[in-house]
Amino acid sequence: MKFGKVIKLFLMDGTPNGRWMCELSNWTGIAYKIPRNMVKESENREELSAPGVYFLFGRDDEKDKPLVYIGEAENIIKRLKQHLDKKDNWNEVIAFISKDSNLNKAHIKYLEHQFYKIAKEVDRYTVDNSNDPTKSTVSEAEVAELEEFIYNAKILVNALGHKTFENYSEKQVIGEKDNDQTFYVSAGDGKASMIATADGYVLQKGSCIHKNPAESLSNGIKNKVEESRNNGEIKDGILQNDKLFSSSSAAAAFATGYSISGPKQWKMSNGTTLKSFELNK
């Protein structure tokens, strides 16, 4: 059973365009969301002189993709001021510290390594780190505490507008039911599978993809398929990673190679259409 979460937001400058302080109820971690142009104004915040981890967010213009740099520091605000001078491809930072000051150098190195690993695996953002962060050695008990820190921090990063650490395939479970909510359509030499998420419709890794598109298939979808074949996302007619679409029909067209009604043609293993599921769930 899943429980609700209470998040406390404080607009430090009285405006949503300024600095935010964010807390999760019953957790010692605290997040600060700071625009780049307000980092210097935060020098007098004593709590930001503490150890922690931080994420610099920007845009990878070459790949047309959001960008993140993942770092750690024994003095957060001091490190952020250094980034003002040395890095120009970020526009805001989310930094995490501990309210009870129990994070040490080994802890923040562990957190940096784990967040880097998750971001690379999820692959929603270009990770701007030039080197792989080293993983520090911590005790079994400390690992348990730090993994809980990561779990809670991921919730706040998402709530603050960045899905950097959220897998495309994370499903929205309806009520208390955790039954299979995967939909299928015939495509290529087999079937394609899709799930509906909070972000849109995810064509799943391992889906079969058509070989020869119909002439009626839109140029936009044709170009997407061709690009995916060229960059290795499609190999031997199989999708190699999850792929997000804004509509179920676009996901179906990408897989089948022809224009198709996603709500009517995506079906669960019991025959329920996507349309019926969404209207009657």
Protein backbone atom coordinates (compact mmCIF):
# COMPACT_ATOMS: atom_id res chain seq x y z
CA MET A 1 0.00 0.00 0.00
CA LYS A 2 1.30 3.43 -0.93
CA PHE A 3 0.95 6.42 1.38
CA GLY A 4 0.77 10.13 0.61
CA LYS A 5 3.73 12.42 1.21
CA VAL A 6 3.71 15.86 2.81
CA ILE A 7 6.07 18.35 1.15
CA LYS A 8 6.70 21.76 2.69
CA LEU A 9 7.71 24.59 0.36
CA PHE A 10 9.05 27.96 1.46
CA LEU A 11 9.50 30.72 -1.12
CA MET A 12 12.53 32.39 0.41
CA ASP A 13 12.12 35.59 -1.64
CA GLY A 14 8.33 35.65 -1.64
CA THR A 15 8.12 34.79 -5.35
CA PRO A 16 8.15 31.50 -7.31
CA ASN A 17 10.91 32.97 -9.49
CA GLY A 18 13.27 33.19 -6.52
CA ARG A 19 14.86 30.70 -4.15
CA TRP A 20 12.93 27.76 -2.75
CA MET A 21 13.43 25.71 0.40
CA CYS A 22 11.82 22.28 0.29
CA GLU A 23 11.34 19.66 2.99
CA LEU A 24 9.74 16.23 3.19
CA SER A 25 7.83 15.56 6.38
CA ASN A 26 9.69 13.38 8.91
CA TRP A 27 12.99 13.51 7.03
CA THR A 28 16.21 15.26 8.04
CA GLY A 29 17.19 16.21 4.49
CA ILE A 30 16.42 19.64 3.08
CA ALA A 31 16.55 20.89 -0.50
CA TYR A 32 17.39 24.37 -1.79
CA LYS A 33 16.42 25.35 -5.32
CA ILE A 34 18.40 28.43 -6.34
CA PRO A 35 18.48 30.26 -9.70
CA ARG A 36 22.01 30.83 -10.99
CA ASN A 37 21.61 34.60 -10.75
CA MET A 38 20.79 34.32 -7.03
CA VAL A 39 23.70 32.15 -5.89
CA LYS A 40 25.76 35.14 -4.74
CA GLU A 41 22.78 36.41 -2.74
CA SER A 42 22.85 33.11 -0.83
CA GLU A 43 26.37 33.58 0.58
CA ASN A 44 24.95 34.65 3.93
CA ARG A 45 22.92 31.45 4.37
CA GLU A 46 25.00 29.67 7.00
CA GLU A 47 23.27 26.34 6.41
CA LEU A 48 24.60 26.30 2.82
CA SER A 49 28.15 26.13 4.17
CA ALA A 50 27.38 22.53 5.17
CA PRO A 51 28.36 19.34 3.29
CA GLY A 52 25.94 18.02 0.70
CA VAL A 53 25.22 17.04 -2.88
CA TYR A 54 23.99 19.33 -5.63
CA PHE A 55 22.64 19.22 -9.18
CA LEU A 56 23.31 21.95 -11.74
CA PHE A 57 20.56 22.06 -14.36
CA GLY A 58 20.79 23.49 -17.86
CA ARG A 59 20.22 22.58 -21.50
CA ASP A 60 22.26 20.50 -23.92
CA ASP A 61 21.58 22.49 -27.10
CA GLU A 62 23.43 20.05 -29.38
CA LYS A 63 21.25 17.11 -28.33
CA ASP A 64 18.18 19.27 -27.57
CA LYS A 65 18.00 17.60 -24.18
CA PRO A 66 18.03 18.80 -20.56
CA LEU A 67 21.43 18.70 -18.88
CA VAL A 68 22.60 18.00 -15.33
CA TYR A 69 25.93 18.15 -13.53
CA ILE A 70 26.07 16.09 -10.33
CA GLY A 71 28.48 17.13 -7.59
CA GLU A 72 29.33 17.03 -3.90
CA ALA A 73 31.02 19.53 -1.62
CA GLU A 74 31.95 19.96 2.02
CA ASN A 75 30.84 23.58 1.63
CA ILE A 76 27.95 23.83 -0.82
CA ILE A 77 27.82 27.59 -1.32
CA LYS A 78 31.59 27.86 -1.78
CA ARG A 79 31.50 25.21 -4.52
CA LEU A 80 28.54 26.86 -6.25
CA LYS A 81 30.42 30.16 -6.41
CA GLN A 82 33.29 28.30 -8.11
CA HIS A 83 30.84 26.94 -10.70
CA LEU A 84 29.66 30.48 -11.44
CA ASP A 85 33.16 31.19 -12.66
CA LYS A 86 33.96 27.89 -14.39
CA LYS A 87 30.67 26.60 -15.85
CA ASP A 88 28.23 28.64 -17.93
CA ASN A 89 25.83 25.94 -19.13
CA TRP A 90 23.54 25.85 -16.09
CA ASN A 91 20.74 28.12 -14.91
CA GLU A 92 19.63 26.68 -11.58
CA VAL A 93 20.83 24.38 -8.82
CA ILE A 94 19.11 22.02 -6.40
CA ALA A 95 21.29 21.32 -3.37
CA PHE A 96 20.69 18.87 -0.52
CA ILE A 97 22.05 19.12 2.99
CA SER A 98 21.13 17.43 6.25
CA LYS A 99 19.36 19.43 8.96
CA ASP A 100 21.12 17.47 11.70
CA SER A 101 24.57 17.89 10.09
CA ASN A 102 25.24 14.15 9.92
CA LEU A 103 26.67 14.05 6.38
CA ASN A 104 30.44 13.61 6.15
CA LYS A 105 32.84 13.40 3.18
CA ALA A 106 32.36 9.65 2.71
CA HIS A 107 28.58 10.07 2.76
CA ILE A 108 28.45 12.81 0.14
CA LYS A 109 30.89 10.92 -2.13
CA TYR A 110 28.60 7.88 -1.90
CA LEU A 111 25.56 10.02 -2.71
CA GLU A 112 27.29 11.68 -5.67
CA HIS A 113 28.29 8.31 -7.13
CA GLN A 114 24.82 6.81 -6.72
CA PHE A 115 22.99 9.82 -8.19
CA TYR A 116 25.41 9.85 -11.14
CA LYS A 117 24.81 6.14 -11.72
CA ILE A 118 21.02 6.53 -11.61
CA ALA A 119 21.01 9.54 -13.95
CA LYS A 120 23.16 7.69 -16.49
CA GLU A 121 20.92 4.61 -16.38
CA VAL A 122 17.69 6.62 -16.68
CA ASP A 123 19.15 8.72 -19.53
CA ARG A 124 16.56 11.50 -19.45
CA TYR A 125 19.25 14.19 -19.07
CA THR A 126 22.71 14.64 -20.55
CA VAL A 127 25.04 14.08 -17.59
CA ASP A 128 27.71 16.78 -17.84
CA ASN A 129 30.30 15.20 -15.52
CA SER A 130 33.62 14.66 -17.31
CA ASN A 131 34.65 11.87 -14.89
CA ASP A 132 32.77 9.08 -13.15
CA PRO A 133 32.52 9.97 -9.44
CA THR A 134 34.31 7.49 -7.19
CA LYS A 135 32.26 5.49 -4.69
CA SER A 136 33.37 5.78 -1.08
CA THR A 137 33.37 2.90 1.38
CA VAL A 138 30.67 3.16 4.04
CA SER A 139 29.25 0.68 6.55
CA GLU A 140 26.18 -1.45 5.94
CA ALA A 141 24.16 0.69 8.34
CA GLU A 142 25.29 3.87 6.59
CA VAL A 143 24.32 2.41 3.19
CA ALA A 144 20.79 1.87 4.50
CA GLU A 145 20.56 5.48 5.69
CA LEU A 146 22.06 6.91 2.51
CA GLU A 147 19.79 4.87 0.24
CA GLU A 148 16.82 6.28 2.16
CA PHE A 149 18.31 9.76 1.63
CA ILE A 150 18.49 9.05 -2.11
CA TYR A 151 14.90 7.78 -2.21
CA ASN A 152 13.58 10.92 -0.52
CA ALA A 153 15.81 13.29 -2.50
CA LYS A 154 14.51 11.78 -5.76
CA ILE A 155 10.97 12.64 -4.66
CA LEU A 156 11.89 16.27 -4.04
CA VAL A 157 13.93 16.67 -7.24
CA ASN A 158 10.91 15.40 -9.18
CA ALA A 159 8.54 17.68 -7.24
CA LEU A 160 10.83 20.63 -7.99
CA GLY A 161 10.47 20.05 -11.72
CA HIS A 162 13.23 17.66 -12.76
CA LYS A 163 12.64 13.98 -13.56
CA THR A 164 16.39 13.36 -13.73
CA PHE A 165 16.24 10.17 -11.70
CA GLU A 166 12.82 8.83 -12.69
CA ASN A 167 12.66 5.92 -15.09
CA TYR A 168 10.33 6.35 -18.07
CA SER A 169 8.71 3.00 -17.27
CA GLU A 170 7.61 3.88 -13.75
CA LYS A 171 3.91 3.13 -13.84
CA GLN A 172 1.10 5.01 -12.14
CA VAL A 173 -0.66 2.27 -10.17
CA ILE A 174 -4.41 2.79 -9.98
CA GLY A 175 -5.66 2.69 -6.40
CA GLU A 176 -4.20 -0.27 -4.54
CA LYS A 177 -4.11 -2.52 -7.62
CA ASP A 178 -0.68 -3.49 -8.86
CA ASN A 179 -1.86 -5.68 -11.71
CA ASP A 180 -0.25 -5.71 -15.12
CA GLN A 181 -1.15 -2.53 -16.98
CA THR A 182 0.83 -3.30 -20.13
CA PHE A 183 -0.76 -2.87 -23.56
CA TYR A 184 0.17 -4.68 -26.76
CA VAL A 185 -0.16 -4.27 -30.52
CA SER A 186 1.05 -6.46 -33.39
CA ALA A 187 4.14 -4.97 -35.03
CA GLY A 188 7.04 -6.16 -37.15
CA ASP A 189 7.72 -9.83 -36.52
CA GLY A 190 5.85 -9.92 -33.22
CA LYS A 191 4.34 -7.50 -30.74
CA ALA A 192 5.12 -4.11 -29.28
CA SER A 193 4.34 -3.32 -25.66
CA MET A 194 3.43 0.02 -24.09
CA ILE A 195 2.58 1.43 -20.68
CA ALA A 196 0.87 4.70 -19.75
CA THR A 197 2.83 6.87 -17.31
CA ALA A 198 2.56 10.33 -15.81
CA ASP A 199 4.86 11.60 -18.59
CA GLY A 200 3.04 10.02 -21.53
CA TYR A 201 3.07 6.68 -23.31
CA VAL A 202 6.22 4.57 -23.12
CA LEU A 203 7.00 2.12 -25.90
CA GLN A 204 8.94 -0.51 -24.02
CA LYS A 205 12.39 -1.92 -24.61
CA GLY A 206 12.16 -5.21 -26.53
CA SER A 207 9.19 -4.12 -28.65
CA CYS A 208 9.14 -5.31 -32.26
CA ILE A 209 9.32 -2.48 -34.79
CA HIS A 210 8.08 -2.54 -38.40
CA LYS A 211 10.54 -3.00 -41.25
CA ASN A 212 8.73 -1.24 -44.10
CA PRO A 213 6.46 1.73 -43.33
CA ALA A 214 3.22 2.38 -45.19
CA GLU A 215 3.20 5.33 -47.57
CA SER A 216 0.51 6.96 -45.43
CA LEU A 217 2.76 7.06 -42.35
CA SER A 218 3.53 10.65 -41.42
CA ASN A 219 6.98 12.01 -42.28
CA GLY A 220 7.49 12.91 -38.64
CA ILE A 221 7.14 9.30 -37.48
CA LYS A 222 9.17 8.03 -40.44
CA ASN A 223 11.99 10.37 -39.49
CA LYS A 224 11.83 9.26 -35.84
CA VAL A 225 12.11 5.61 -36.87
CA GLU A 226 14.98 6.31 -39.25
CA GLU A 227 16.81 8.29 -36.60
CA SER A 228 16.34 5.46 -34.10
CA ARG A 229 17.74 2.95 -36.58
CA ASN A 230 20.74 5.16 -37.28
CA ASN A 231 21.59 5.79 -33.63
CA GLY A 232 21.18 2.17 -32.56
CA GLU A 233 17.89 2.51 -30.67
CA ILE A 234 16.46 -0.06 -33.08
CA LYS A 235 18.58 -3.13 -33.89
CA ASP A 236 17.35 -6.08 -35.96
CA GLY A 237 13.79 -4.83 -35.68
CA ILE A 238 13.87 -4.61 -31.86
CA LEU A 239 13.67 -1.46 -29.73
CA GLN A 240 16.75 -1.34 -27.49
CA ASN A 241 15.43 1.11 -24.85
CA ASP A 242 12.19 2.61 -23.59
CA LYS A 243 10.91 5.46 -25.78
CA LEU A 244 8.46 8.13 -24.66
CA PHE A 245 5.59 9.47 -26.80
CA SER A 246 3.03 12.16 -26.08
CA SER A 247 0.19 10.13 -27.61
CA SER A 248 -0.65 6.43 -27.75
CA SER A 249 -1.36 6.73 -31.49
CA ALA A 250 2.16 8.04 -32.18
CA ALA A 251 3.63 5.15 -30.19
CA ALA A 252 1.51 2.68 -32.15
CA ALA A 253 2.44 4.25 -35.51
CA PHE A 254 6.15 4.13 -34.61
CA ALA A 255 5.87 0.40 -33.89
CA THR A 256 3.51 -0.73 -36.65
CA GLY A 257 4.58 1.54 -39.51
CA TYR A 258 1.12 2.85 -40.35
CA SER A 259 -1.40 5.34 -38.99
CA ILE A 260 -3.45 3.71 -36.27
CA SER A 261 -5.80 4.65 -33.42
CA GLY A 262 -3.81 4.03 -30.27
CA PRO A 263 -6.77 4.16 -27.84
CA LYS A 264 -8.59 1.49 -29.86
CA GLN A 265 -5.70 -0.74 -30.95
CA TRP A 266 -3.50 -0.94 -27.84
CA LYS A 267 -4.91 -3.85 -25.83
CA MET A 268 -4.11 -5.57 -22.56
CA SER A 269 -3.56 -9.32 -22.50
CA ASN A 270 -7.23 -9.75 -21.49
CA GLY A 271 -8.42 -7.81 -24.56
CA THR A 272 -9.23 -4.52 -22.77
CA THR A 273 -8.47 -1.56 -25.02
CA LEU A 274 -6.54 1.45 -23.78
CA LYS A 275 -9.63 3.61 -24.35
CA SER A 276 -11.81 1.35 -22.24
CA PHE A 277 -9.17 1.15 -19.51
CA GLU A 278 -8.73 4.92 -19.27
CA LEU A 279 -12.49 5.57 -19.22
CA ASN A 280 -13.37 2.86 -16.70
CA LYS A 281 -10.35 2.57 -14.43
